[in-house]
């Protein structure tokens, strides 16, 4: 995943993450999700914000269903999703939940 993500190949990185998610006994970690979200955020894809939001949602759902606090998105992940919007001039369209997580005090 990281190799694809570092080379700007977000689609391939996400495909690898989806393979991990569908393989019994193999669980992606927060770094797996973060790498793919970051790759989409930095990509040239106009629909990158929607990819990032979907991945964020998948990450939160997996954290909840597996009771794995290590998968809960941190402020950096939320900031990366925010950046996906900002890079495309869509800062006004950032969902409130993402803004709240970025500005929330720890």
PDB file of N, CA and C in Angstrom:
ATOM      1  N   UNK A   1       0.840  -1.189   0.000  1.00  0.00           N
ATOM      2  CA  UNK A   1       0.000   0.000   0.000  1.00  0.00           C
ATOM      3  C   UNK A   1       0.877   1.242   0.000  1.00  0.00           C
ATOM      4  N   UNK A   2       1.857   1.245   0.867  1.00  0.00           N
ATOM      5  CA  UNK A   2       2.717   2.423   0.988  1.00  0.00           C
ATOM      6  C   UNK A   2       3.465   2.700  -0.317  1.00  0.00           C
ATOM      7  N   UNK A   3       3.921   1.642  -0.994  1.00  0.00           N
ATOM      8  CA  UNK A   3       4.657   1.828  -2.248  1.00  0.00           C
ATOM      9  C   UNK A   3       3.779   2.508  -3.295  1.00  0.00           C
ATOM     10  N   UNK A   4       2.534   2.067  -3.419  1.00  0.00           N
ATOM     11  CA  UNK A   4       1.612   2.704  -4.361  1.00  0.00           C
ATOM     12  C   UNK A   4       1.322   4.147  -3.925  1.00  0.00           C
ATOM     13  N   UNK A   5       1.050   4.314  -2.645  1.00  0.00           N
ATOM     14  CA  UNK A   5       0.688   5.637  -2.127  1.00  0.00           C
ATOM     15  C   UNK A   5       1.821   6.640  -2.343  1.00  0.00           C
ATOM     16  N   UNK A   6       3.047   6.234  -2.089  1.00  0.00           N
ATOM     17  CA  UNK A   6       4.189   7.157  -2.243  1.00  0.00           C
ATOM     18  C   UNK A   6       4.434   7.549  -3.692  1.00  0.00           C
ATOM     19  N   UNK A   7       3.945   6.723  -4.603  1.00  0.00           N
ATOM     20  CA  UNK A   7       4.129   7.010  -6.024  1.00  0.00           C
ATOM     21  C   UNK A   7       2.906   7.685  -6.639  1.00  0.00           C
ATOM     22  N   UNK A   8       1.973   8.096  -5.782  1.00  0.00           N
ATOM     23  CA  UNK A   8       0.797   8.807  -6.260  1.00  0.00           C
ATOM     24  C   UNK A   8      -0.226   7.926  -6.942  1.00  0.00           C
ATOM     25  N   UNK A   9      -0.171   6.646  -6.674  1.00  0.00           N
ATOM     26  CA  UNK A   9      -1.095   5.706  -7.311  1.00  0.00           C
ATOM     27  C   UNK A   9      -2.191   5.321  -6.311  1.00  0.00           C
ATOM     28  N   UNK A  10      -3.051   6.287  -6.050  1.00  0.00           N
ATOM     29  CA  UNK A  10      -4.092   6.139  -5.032  1.00  0.00           C
ATOM     30  C   UNK A  10      -5.050   4.995  -5.332  1.00  0.00           C
ATOM     31  N   UNK A  11      -5.428   4.852  -6.577  1.00  0.00           N
ATOM     32  CA  UNK A  11      -6.381   3.802  -6.934  1.00  0.00           C
ATOM     33  C   UNK A  11      -5.815   2.416  -6.631  1.00  0.00           C
ATOM     34  N   UNK A  12      -4.561   2.196  -6.971  1.00  0.00           N
ATOM     35  CA  UNK A  12      -3.931   0.901  -6.696  1.00  0.00           C
ATOM     36  C   UNK A  12      -3.756   0.689  -5.194  1.00  0.00           C
ATOM     37  N   UNK A  13      -3.405   1.744  -4.477  1.00  0.00           N
ATOM     38  CA  UNK A  13      -3.255   1.645  -3.021  1.00  0.00           C
ATOM     39  C   UNK A  13      -4.588   1.267  -2.388  1.00  0.00           C
ATOM     40  N   UNK A  14      -5.673   1.899  -2.851  1.00  0.00           N
ATOM     41  CA  UNK A  14      -6.983   1.561  -2.307  1.00  0.00           C
ATOM     42  C   UNK A  14      -7.372   0.131  -2.668  1.00  0.00           C
ATOM     43  N   UNK A  15      -7.055  -0.283  -3.866  1.00  0.00           N
ATOM     44  CA  UNK A  15      -7.356  -1.664  -4.267  1.00  0.00           C
ATOM     45  C   UNK A  15      -6.676  -2.658  -3.317  1.00  0.00           C
ATOM     46  N   UNK A  16      -5.418  -2.383  -2.965  1.00  0.00           N
ATOM     47  CA  UNK A  16      -4.703  -3.270  -2.032  1.00  0.00           C
ATOM     48  C   UNK A  16      -5.369  -3.260  -0.650  1.00  0.00           C
ATOM     49  N   UNK A  17      -5.808  -2.099  -0.210  1.00  0.00           N
ATOM     50  CA  UNK A  17      -6.500  -1.998   1.070  1.00  0.00           C
ATOM     51  C   UNK A  17      -7.789  -2.818   1.031  1.00  0.00           C
ATOM     52  N   UNK A  18      -8.528  -2.728  -0.063  1.00  0.00           N
ATOM     53  CA  UNK A  18      -9.778  -3.498  -0.205  1.00  0.00           C
ATOM     54  C   UNK A  18      -9.507  -4.997  -0.202  1.00  0.00           C
ATOM     55  N   UNK A  19      -8.393  -5.412  -0.803  1.00  0.00           N
ATOM     56  CA  UNK A  19      -8.011  -6.837  -0.765  1.00  0.00           C
ATOM     57  C   UNK A  19      -7.759  -7.250   0.681  1.00  0.00           C
ATOM     58  N   UNK A  20      -7.043  -6.416   1.414  1.00  0.00           N
ATOM     59  CA  UNK A  20      -6.789  -6.713   2.832  1.00  0.00           C
ATOM     60  C   UNK A  20      -8.101  -6.843   3.602  1.00  0.00           C
ATOM     61  N   UNK A  21      -9.025  -5.938   3.356  1.00  0.00           N
ATOM     62  CA  UNK A  21     -10.298  -5.942   4.067  1.00  0.00           C
ATOM     63  C   UNK A  21     -11.124  -7.191   3.766  1.00  0.00           C
ATOM     64  N   UNK A  22     -10.970  -7.727   2.579  1.00  0.00           N
ATOM     65  CA  UNK A  22     -11.758  -8.895   2.194  1.00  0.00           C
ATOM     66  C   UNK A  22     -11.047 -10.226   2.435  1.00  0.00           C
ATOM     67  N   UNK A  23      -9.822 -10.179   2.946  1.00  0.00           N
ATOM     68  CA  UNK A  23      -9.060 -11.398   3.206  1.00  0.00           C
ATOM     69  C   UNK A  23      -9.197 -11.794   4.669  1.00  0.00           C
ATOM     70  N   UNK A  24      -9.792 -12.965   4.927  1.00  0.00           N
ATOM     71  CA  UNK A  24      -9.940 -13.413   6.318  1.00  0.00           C
ATOM     72  C   UNK A  24      -8.585 -13.506   7.026  1.00  0.00           C
ATOM     73  N   UNK A  25      -8.556 -13.011   8.252  1.00  0.00           N
ATOM     74  CA  UNK A  25      -7.336 -13.074   9.051  1.00  0.00           C
ATOM     75  C   UNK A  25      -6.343 -11.956   8.784  1.00  0.00           C
ATOM     76  N   UNK A  26      -6.658 -11.092   7.830  1.00  0.00           N
ATOM     77  CA  UNK A  26      -5.766  -9.974   7.515  1.00  0.00           C
ATOM     78  C   UNK A  26      -6.512  -8.682   7.842  1.00  0.00           C
ATOM     79  N   UNK A  27      -5.951  -7.900   8.741  1.00  0.00           N
ATOM     80  CA  UNK A  27      -6.583  -6.641   9.120  1.00  0.00           C
ATOM     81  C   UNK A  27      -5.654  -5.480   8.840  1.00  0.00           C
ATOM     82  N   UNK A  28      -6.138  -4.513   8.081  1.00  0.00           N
ATOM     83  CA  UNK A  28      -5.326  -3.311   7.888  1.00  0.00           C
ATOM     84  C   UNK A  28      -5.250  -2.538   9.207  1.00  0.00           C
ATOM     85  N   UNK A  29      -4.227  -1.730   9.336  1.00  0.00           N
ATOM     86  CA  UNK A  29      -4.108  -0.897  10.538  1.00  0.00           C
ATOM     87  C   UNK A  29      -4.315   0.568  10.162  1.00  0.00           C
ATOM     88  N   UNK A  30      -4.141   1.435  11.125  1.00  0.00           N
ATOM     89  CA  UNK A  30      -4.379   2.861  10.872  1.00  0.00           C
ATOM     90  C   UNK A  30      -3.423   3.412   9.822  1.00  0.00           C
ATOM     91  N   UNK A  31      -2.210   2.883   9.762  1.00  0.00           N
ATOM     92  CA  UNK A  31      -1.242   3.343   8.767  1.00  0.00           C
ATOM     93  C   UNK A  31      -1.717   2.966   7.359  1.00  0.00           C
ATOM     94  N   UNK A  32      -2.314   1.786   7.220  1.00  0.00           N
ATOM     95  CA  UNK A  32      -2.840   1.356   5.917  1.00  0.00           C
ATOM     96  C   UNK A  32      -3.874   2.351   5.414  1.00  0.00           C
ATOM     97  N   UNK A  33      -4.850   2.668   6.271  1.00  0.00           N
ATOM     98  CA  UNK A  33      -5.892   3.621   5.892  1.00  0.00           C
ATOM     99  C   UNK A  33      -5.308   5.009   5.652  1.00  0.00           C
ATOM    100  N   UNK A  34      -4.449   5.466   6.544  1.00  0.00           N
ATOM    101  CA  UNK A  34      -3.867   6.808   6.431  1.00  0.00           C
ATOM    102  C   UNK A  34      -3.088   6.973   5.131  1.00  0.00           C
ATOM    103  N   UNK A  35      -2.356   5.951   4.749  1.00  0.00           N
ATOM    104  CA  UNK A  35      -1.566   6.016   3.510  1.00  0.00           C
ATOM    105  C   UNK A  35      -2.457   6.184   2.299  1.00  0.00           C
ATOM    106  N   UNK A  36      -3.551   5.446   2.272  1.00  0.00           N
ATOM    107  CA  UNK A  36      -4.460   5.532   1.123  1.00  0.00           C
ATOM    108  C   UNK A  36      -5.186   6.877   1.112  1.00  0.00           C
ATOM    109  N   UNK A  37      -5.642   7.333   2.266  1.00  0.00           N
ATOM    110  CA  UNK A  37      -6.302   8.635   2.350  1.00  0.00           C
ATOM    111  C   UNK A  37      -5.347   9.737   1.903  1.00  0.00           C
ATOM    112  N   UNK A  38      -4.111   9.666   2.336  1.00  0.00           N
ATOM    113  CA  UNK A  38      -3.107  10.656   1.946  1.00  0.00           C
ATOM    114  C   UNK A  38      -2.849  10.618   0.441  1.00  0.00           C
ATOM    115  N   UNK A  39      -2.787   9.422  -0.120  1.00  0.00           N
ATOM    116  CA  UNK A  39      -2.558   9.295  -1.567  1.00  0.00           C
ATOM    117  C   UNK A  39      -3.697   9.937  -2.353  1.00  0.00           C
ATOM    118  N   UNK A  40      -4.938   9.699  -1.930  1.00  0.00           N
ATOM    119  CA  UNK A  40      -6.073  10.331  -2.615  1.00  0.00           C
ATOM    120  C   UNK A  40      -6.037  11.843  -2.430  1.00  0.00           C
ATOM    121  N   UNK A  41      -5.747  12.292  -1.224  1.00  0.00           N
ATOM    122  CA  UNK A  41      -5.723  13.727  -0.950  1.00  0.00           C
ATOM    123  C   UNK A  41      -4.741  14.455  -1.860  1.00  0.00           C
ATOM    124  N   UNK A  42      -3.592  13.854  -2.100  1.00  0.00           N
ATOM    125  CA  UNK A  42      -2.546  14.482  -2.906  1.00  0.00           C
ATOM    126  C   UNK A  42      -2.681  14.190  -4.401  1.00  0.00           C
ATOM    127  N   UNK A  43      -3.632  13.350  -4.769  1.00  0.00           N
ATOM    128  CA  UNK A  43      -3.800  12.985  -6.176  1.00  0.00           C
ATOM    129  C   UNK A  43      -4.399  14.138  -6.979  1.00  0.00           C
ATOM    130  N   UNK A  44      -4.439  13.952  -8.276  1.00  0.00           N
ATOM    131  CA  UNK A  44      -5.045  14.932  -9.170  1.00  0.00           C
ATOM    132  C   UNK A  44      -6.529  14.667  -9.398  1.00  0.00           C
ATOM    133  N   UNK A  45      -7.055  13.629  -8.779  1.00  0.00           N
ATOM    134  CA  UNK A  45      -8.446  13.233  -9.005  1.00  0.00           C
ATOM    135  C   UNK A  45      -9.412  14.278  -8.449  1.00  0.00           C
ATOM    136  N   UNK A  46     -10.341  14.685  -9.268  1.00  0.00           N
ATOM    137  CA  UNK A  46     -11.318  15.683  -8.809  1.00  0.00           C
ATOM    138  C   UNK A  46     -12.265  15.109  -7.758  1.00  0.00           C
ATOM    139  N   UNK A  47     -12.442  13.783  -7.758  1.00  0.00           N
ATOM    140  CA  UNK A  47     -13.337  13.148  -6.788  1.00  0.00           C
ATOM    141  C   UNK A  47     -12.595  12.632  -5.549  1.00  0.00           C
ATOM    142  N   UNK A  48     -11.382  13.084  -5.362  1.00  0.00           N
ATOM    143  CA  UNK A  48     -10.582  12.643  -4.210  1.00  0.00           C
ATOM    144  C   UNK A  48     -11.270  12.881  -2.865  1.00  0.00           C
ATOM    145  N   UNK A  49     -11.931  14.025  -2.660  1.00  0.00           N
ATOM    146  CA  UNK A  49     -12.597  14.208  -1.362  1.00  0.00           C
ATOM    147  C   UNK A  49     -13.609  13.106  -1.051  1.00  0.00           C
ATOM    148  N   UNK A  50     -14.352  12.664  -2.050  1.00  0.00           N
ATOM    149  CA  UNK A  50     -15.330  11.601  -1.785  1.00  0.00           C
ATOM    150  C   UNK A  50     -14.638  10.283  -1.470  1.00  0.00           C
ATOM    151  N   UNK A  51     -13.523  10.003  -2.125  1.00  0.00           N
ATOM    152  CA  UNK A  51     -12.752   8.798  -1.796  1.00  0.00           C
ATOM    153  C   UNK A  51     -12.251   8.882  -0.354  1.00  0.00           C
ATOM    154  N   UNK A  52     -11.731  10.033   0.015  1.00  0.00           N
ATOM    155  CA  UNK A  52     -11.204  10.222   1.373  1.00  0.00           C
ATOM    156  C   UNK A  52     -12.304  10.069   2.424  1.00  0.00           C
ATOM    157  N   UNK A  53     -13.448  10.654   2.161  1.00  0.00           N
ATOM    158  CA  UNK A  53     -14.568  10.549   3.114  1.00  0.00           C
ATOM    159  C   UNK A  53     -15.035   9.107   3.257  1.00  0.00           C
ATOM    160  N   UNK A  54     -15.112   8.388   2.141  1.00  0.00           N
ATOM    161  CA  UNK A  54     -15.543   6.989   2.199  1.00  0.00           C
ATOM    162  C   UNK A  54     -14.534   6.151   2.993  1.00  0.00           C
ATOM    163  N   UNK A  55     -13.263   6.377   2.751  1.00  0.00           N
ATOM    164  CA  UNK A  55     -12.232   5.641   3.484  1.00  0.00           C
ATOM    165  C   UNK A  55     -12.255   5.977   4.972  1.00  0.00           C
ATOM    166  N   UNK A  56     -12.474   7.245   5.286  1.00  0.00           N
ATOM    167  CA  UNK A  56     -12.601   7.657   6.680  1.00  0.00           C
ATOM    168  C   UNK A  56     -13.771   6.935   7.336  1.00  0.00           C
ATOM    169  N   UNK A  57     -14.874   6.867   6.637  1.00  0.00           N
ATOM    170  CA  UNK A  57     -16.058   6.163   7.144  1.00  0.00           C
ATOM    171  C   UNK A  57     -15.766   4.677   7.349  1.00  0.00           C
ATOM    172  N   UNK A  58     -15.095   4.065   6.384  1.00  0.00           N
ATOM    173  CA  UNK A  58     -14.734   2.642   6.500  1.00  0.00           C
ATOM    174  C   UNK A  58     -13.806   2.409   7.686  1.00  0.00           C
ATOM    175  N   UNK A  59     -12.871   3.333   7.882  1.00  0.00           N
ATOM    176  CA  UNK A  59     -11.919   3.223   8.986  1.00  0.00           C
ATOM    177  C   UNK A  59     -12.643   3.283  10.331  1.00  0.00           C
ATOM    178  N   UNK A  60     -13.563   4.236  10.456  1.00  0.00           N
ATOM    179  CA  UNK A  60     -14.313   4.377  11.705  1.00  0.00           C
ATOM    180  C   UNK A  60     -15.204   3.161  11.949  1.00  0.00           C
ATOM    181  N   UNK A  61     -15.835   2.663  10.892  1.00  0.00           N
ATOM    182  CA  UNK A  61     -16.703   1.492  11.039  1.00  0.00           C
ATOM    183  C   UNK A  61     -15.905   0.264  11.465  1.00  0.00           C
ATOM    184  N   UNK A  62     -14.741   0.062  10.855  1.00  0.00           N
ATOM    185  CA  UNK A  62     -13.913  -1.082  11.225  1.00  0.00           C
ATOM    186  C   UNK A  62     -13.425  -0.954  12.667  1.00  0.00           C
ATOM    187  N   UNK A  63     -13.053   0.237  13.073  1.00  0.00           N
ATOM    188  CA  UNK A  63     -12.620   0.463  14.463  1.00  0.00           C
ATOM    189  C   UNK A  63     -13.749   0.107  15.424  1.00  0.00           C
ATOM    190  N   UNK A  64     -14.963   0.505  15.069  1.00  0.00           N
ATOM    191  CA  UNK A  64     -16.117   0.254  15.928  1.00  0.00           C
ATOM    192  C   UNK A  64     -16.485  -1.221  15.953  1.00  0.00           C
ATOM    193  N   UNK A  65     -16.561  -1.868  14.772  1.00  0.00           N
ATOM    194  CA  UNK A  65     -16.999  -3.265  14.713  1.00  0.00           C
ATOM    195  C   UNK A  65     -15.977  -4.227  15.302  1.00  0.00           C
ATOM    196  N   UNK A  66     -14.704  -3.864  15.261  1.00  0.00           N
ATOM    197  CA  UNK A  66     -13.673  -4.739  15.813  1.00  0.00           C
ATOM    198  C   UNK A  66     -13.254  -4.317  17.218  1.00  0.00           C
ATOM    199  N   UNK A  67     -13.842  -3.203  17.697  1.00  0.00           N
ATOM    200  CA  UNK A  67     -13.482  -2.650  19.003  1.00  0.00           C
ATOM    201  C   UNK A  67     -11.972  -2.395  19.096  1.00  0.00           C
ATOM    202  N   UNK A  68     -11.414  -1.904  17.995  1.00  0.00           N
ATOM    203  CA  UNK A  68      -9.982  -1.647  17.901  1.00  0.00           C
ATOM    204  C   UNK A  68      -9.748  -0.142  17.943  1.00  0.00           C
ATOM    205  N   UNK A  69      -9.416   0.367  19.114  1.00  0.00           N
ATOM    206  CA  UNK A  69      -9.173   1.804  19.260  1.00  0.00           C
ATOM    207  C   UNK A  69      -7.996   2.300  18.429  1.00  0.00           C
ATOM    208  N   UNK A  70      -7.089   1.392  18.084  1.00  0.00           N
ATOM    209  CA  UNK A  70      -5.943   1.768  17.269  1.00  0.00           C
ATOM    210  C   UNK A  70      -6.328   2.146  15.844  1.00  0.00           C
ATOM    211  N   UNK A  71      -7.541   1.789  15.447  1.00  0.00           N
ATOM    212  CA  UNK A  71      -8.021   2.134  14.107  1.00  0.00           C
ATOM    213  C   UNK A  71      -8.822   3.431  14.079  1.00  0.00           C
ATOM    214  N   UNK A  72      -9.088   3.983  15.244  1.00  0.00           N
ATOM    215  CA  UNK A  72      -9.846   5.235  15.258  1.00  0.00           C
ATOM    216  C   UNK A  72      -9.017   6.328  14.587  1.00  0.00           C
ATOM    217  N   UNK A  73      -9.632   7.066  13.680  1.00  0.00           N
ATOM    218  CA  UNK A  73      -8.891   8.136  13.004  1.00  0.00           C
ATOM    219  C   UNK A  73      -8.420   9.196  13.996  1.00  0.00           C
ATOM    220  N   UNK A  74      -7.212   9.665  13.783  1.00  0.00           N
ATOM    221  CA  UNK A  74      -6.691  10.738  14.633  1.00  0.00           C
ATOM    222  C   UNK A  74      -6.819  12.070  13.897  1.00  0.00           C
ATOM    223  N   UNK A  75      -6.362  13.116  14.536  1.00  0.00           N
ATOM    224  CA  UNK A  75      -6.469  14.467  13.978  1.00  0.00           C
ATOM    225  C   UNK A  75      -5.754  14.585  12.630  1.00  0.00           C
ATOM    226  N   UNK A  76      -4.663  13.877  12.478  1.00  0.00           N
ATOM    227  CA  UNK A  76      -3.905  13.929  11.220  1.00  0.00           C
ATOM    228  C   UNK A  76      -4.730  13.370  10.071  1.00  0.00           C
ATOM    229  N   UNK A  77      -5.452  12.281  10.313  1.00  0.00           N
ATOM    230  CA  UNK A  77      -6.305  11.696   9.275  1.00  0.00           C
ATOM    231  C   UNK A  77      -7.398  12.685   8.881  1.00  0.00           C
ATOM    232  N   UNK A  78      -8.043  13.292   9.876  1.00  0.00           N
ATOM    233  CA  UNK A  78      -9.080  14.283   9.583  1.00  0.00           C
ATOM    234  C   UNK A  78      -8.493  15.474   8.823  1.00  0.00           C
ATOM    235  N   UNK A  79      -7.316  15.901   9.191  1.00  0.00           N
ATOM    236  CA  UNK A  79      -6.660  17.015   8.501  1.00  0.00           C
ATOM    237  C   UNK A  79      -6.359  16.646   7.048  1.00  0.00           C
ATOM    238  N   UNK A  80      -5.982  15.409   6.814  1.00  0.00           N
ATOM    239  CA  UNK A  80      -5.689  14.951   5.452  1.00  0.00           C
ATOM    240  C   UNK A  80      -6.948  14.973   4.595  1.00  0.00           C
ATOM    241  N   UNK A  81      -8.080  14.556   5.174  1.00  0.00           N
ATOM    242  CA  UNK A  81      -9.353  14.619   4.451  1.00  0.00           C
ATOM    243  C   UNK A  81      -9.701  16.084   4.161  1.00  0.00           C
ATOM    244  N   UNK A  82      -9.520  16.939   5.148  1.00  0.00           N
ATOM    245  CA  UNK A  82      -9.745  18.378   4.963  1.00  0.00           C
ATOM    246  C   UNK A  82      -8.888  18.903   3.810  1.00  0.00           C
ATOM    247  N   UNK A  83      -7.629  18.502   3.784  1.00  0.00           N
ATOM    248  CA  UNK A  83      -6.716  18.945   2.733  1.00  0.00           C
ATOM    249  C   UNK A  83      -7.191  18.524   1.347  1.00  0.00           C
ATOM    250  N   UNK A  84      -7.835  17.365   1.251  1.00  0.00           N
ATOM    251  CA  UNK A  84      -8.358  16.908  -0.042  1.00  0.00           C
ATOM    252  C   UNK A  84      -9.365  17.917  -0.590  1.00  0.00           C
ATOM    253  N   UNK A  85     -10.173  18.476   0.283  1.00  0.00           N
ATOM    254  CA  UNK A  85     -11.134  19.503  -0.128  1.00  0.00           C
ATOM    255  C   UNK A  85     -10.410  20.799  -0.483  1.00  0.00           C
ATOM    256  N   UNK A  86      -9.527  21.224   0.387  1.00  0.00           N
ATOM    257  CA  UNK A  86      -8.818  22.497   0.196  1.00  0.00           C
ATOM    258  C   UNK A  86      -8.016  22.519  -1.103  1.00  0.00           C
ATOM    259  N   UNK A  87      -7.362  21.427  -1.432  1.00  0.00           N
ATOM    260  CA  UNK A  87      -6.541  21.371  -2.649  1.00  0.00           C
ATOM    261  C   UNK A  87      -7.371  21.563  -3.912  1.00  0.00           C
ATOM    262  N   UNK A  88      -8.665  21.335  -3.803  1.00  0.00           N
ATOM    263  CA  UNK A  88      -9.552  21.451  -4.955  1.00  0.00           C
ATOM    264  C   UNK A  88     -10.436  22.686  -4.876  1.00  0.00           C
ATOM    265  N   UNK A  89     -10.117  23.569  -3.932  1.00  0.00           N
ATOM    266  CA  UNK A  89     -10.895  24.784  -3.777  1.00  0.00           C
ATOM    267  C   UNK A  89     -12.287  24.543  -3.221  1.00  0.00           C
ATOM    268  N   UNK A  90     -12.444  23.458  -2.470  1.00  0.00           N
ATOM    269  CA  UNK A  90     -13.754  23.078  -1.936  1.00  0.00           C
ATOM    270  C   UNK A  90     -13.818  23.209  -0.416  1.00  0.00           C
ATOM    271  N   UNK A  91     -13.033  24.111   0.126  1.00  0.00           N
ATOM    272  CA  UNK A  91     -12.984  24.273   1.576  1.00  0.00           C
ATOM    273  C   UNK A  91     -14.337  24.539   2.213  1.00  0.00           C
ATOM    274  N   UNK A  92     -15.226  25.196   1.479  1.00  0.00           N
ATOM    275  CA  UNK A  92     -16.558  25.487   2.006  1.00  0.00           C
ATOM    276  C   UNK A  92     -17.448  24.255   2.083  1.00  0.00           C
ATOM    277  N   UNK A  93     -17.020  23.161   1.439  1.00  0.00           N
ATOM    278  CA  UNK A  93     -17.829  21.944   1.402  1.00  0.00           C
ATOM    279  C   UNK A  93     -17.374  20.877   2.405  1.00  0.00           C
ATOM    280  N   UNK A  94     -16.383  21.196   3.204  1.00  0.00           N
ATOM    281  CA  UNK A  94     -15.887  20.224   4.192  1.00  0.00           C
ATOM    282  C   UNK A  94     -16.996  19.933   5.194  1.00  0.00           C
ATOM    283  N   UNK A  95     -17.320  18.651   5.401  1.00  0.00           N
ATOM    284  CA  UNK A  95     -18.359  18.307   6.377  1.00  0.00           C
ATOM    285  C   UNK A  95     -18.009  18.812   7.782  1.00  0.00           C
ATOM    286  N   UNK A  96     -19.032  19.230   8.509  1.00  0.00           N
ATOM    287  CA  UNK A  96     -18.835  19.783   9.856  1.00  0.00           C
ATOM    288  C   UNK A  96     -18.121  18.799  10.778  1.00  0.00           C
ATOM    289  N   UNK A  97     -18.432  17.521  10.655  1.00  0.00           N
ATOM    290  CA  UNK A  97     -17.810  16.505  11.513  1.00  0.00           C
ATOM    291  C   UNK A  97     -16.284  16.544  11.390  1.00  0.00           C
ATOM    292  N   UNK A  98     -15.805  16.728  10.177  1.00  0.00           N
ATOM    293  CA  UNK A  98     -14.357  16.764   9.952  1.00  0.00           C
ATOM    294  C   UNK A  98     -13.767  18.022  10.579  1.00  0.00           C
ATOM    295  N   UNK A  99     -14.421  19.140  10.390  1.00  0.00           N
ATOM    296  CA  UNK A  99     -13.951  20.389  11.002  1.00  0.00           C
ATOM    297  C   UNK A  99     -13.931  20.293  12.530  1.00  0.00           C
ATOM    298  N   UNK A 100     -14.957  19.681  13.081  1.00  0.00           N
ATOM    299  CA  UNK A 100     -15.038  19.534  14.549  1.00  0.00           C
ATOM    300  C   UNK A 100     -13.905  18.681  15.079  1.00  0.00           C
ATOM    301  N   UNK A 101     -13.568  17.619  14.365  1.00  0.00           N
ATOM    302  CA  UNK A 101     -12.488  16.738  14.812  1.00  0.00           C
ATOM    303  C   UNK A 101     -11.133  17.434  14.735  1.00  0.00           C
ATOM    304  N   UNK A 102     -10.957  18.309  13.761  1.00  0.00           N
ATOM    305  CA  UNK A 102      -9.681  19.029  13.608  1.00  0.00           C
ATOM    306  C   UNK A 102      -9.522  20.068  14.716  1.00  0.00           C
ATOM    307  N   UNK A 103     -10.614  20.747  15.051  1.00  0.00           N
ATOM    308  CA  UNK A 103     -10.527  21.829  16.028  1.00  0.00           C
ATOM    309  C   UNK A 103     -10.732  21.372  17.476  1.00  0.00           C
ATOM    310  N   UNK A 104     -11.131  20.131  17.655  1.00  0.00           N
ATOM    311  CA  UNK A 104     -11.362  19.589  19.001  1.00  0.00           C
ATOM    312  C   UNK A 104     -10.060  19.512  19.786  1.00  0.00           C
ATOM    313  N   UNK A 105     -10.119  19.955  21.024  1.00  0.00           N
ATOM    314  CA  UNK A 105      -8.934  19.869  21.894  1.00  0.00           C
ATOM    315  C   UNK A 105      -8.805  18.457  22.411  1.00  0.00           C
ATOM    316  N   UNK A 106      -7.570  18.029  22.513  1.00  0.00           N
ATOM    317  CA  UNK A 106      -7.327  16.657  22.978  1.00  0.00           C
ATOM    318  C   UNK A 106      -7.267  16.589  24.474  1.00  0.00           C
TER     319      UNK A 106
END
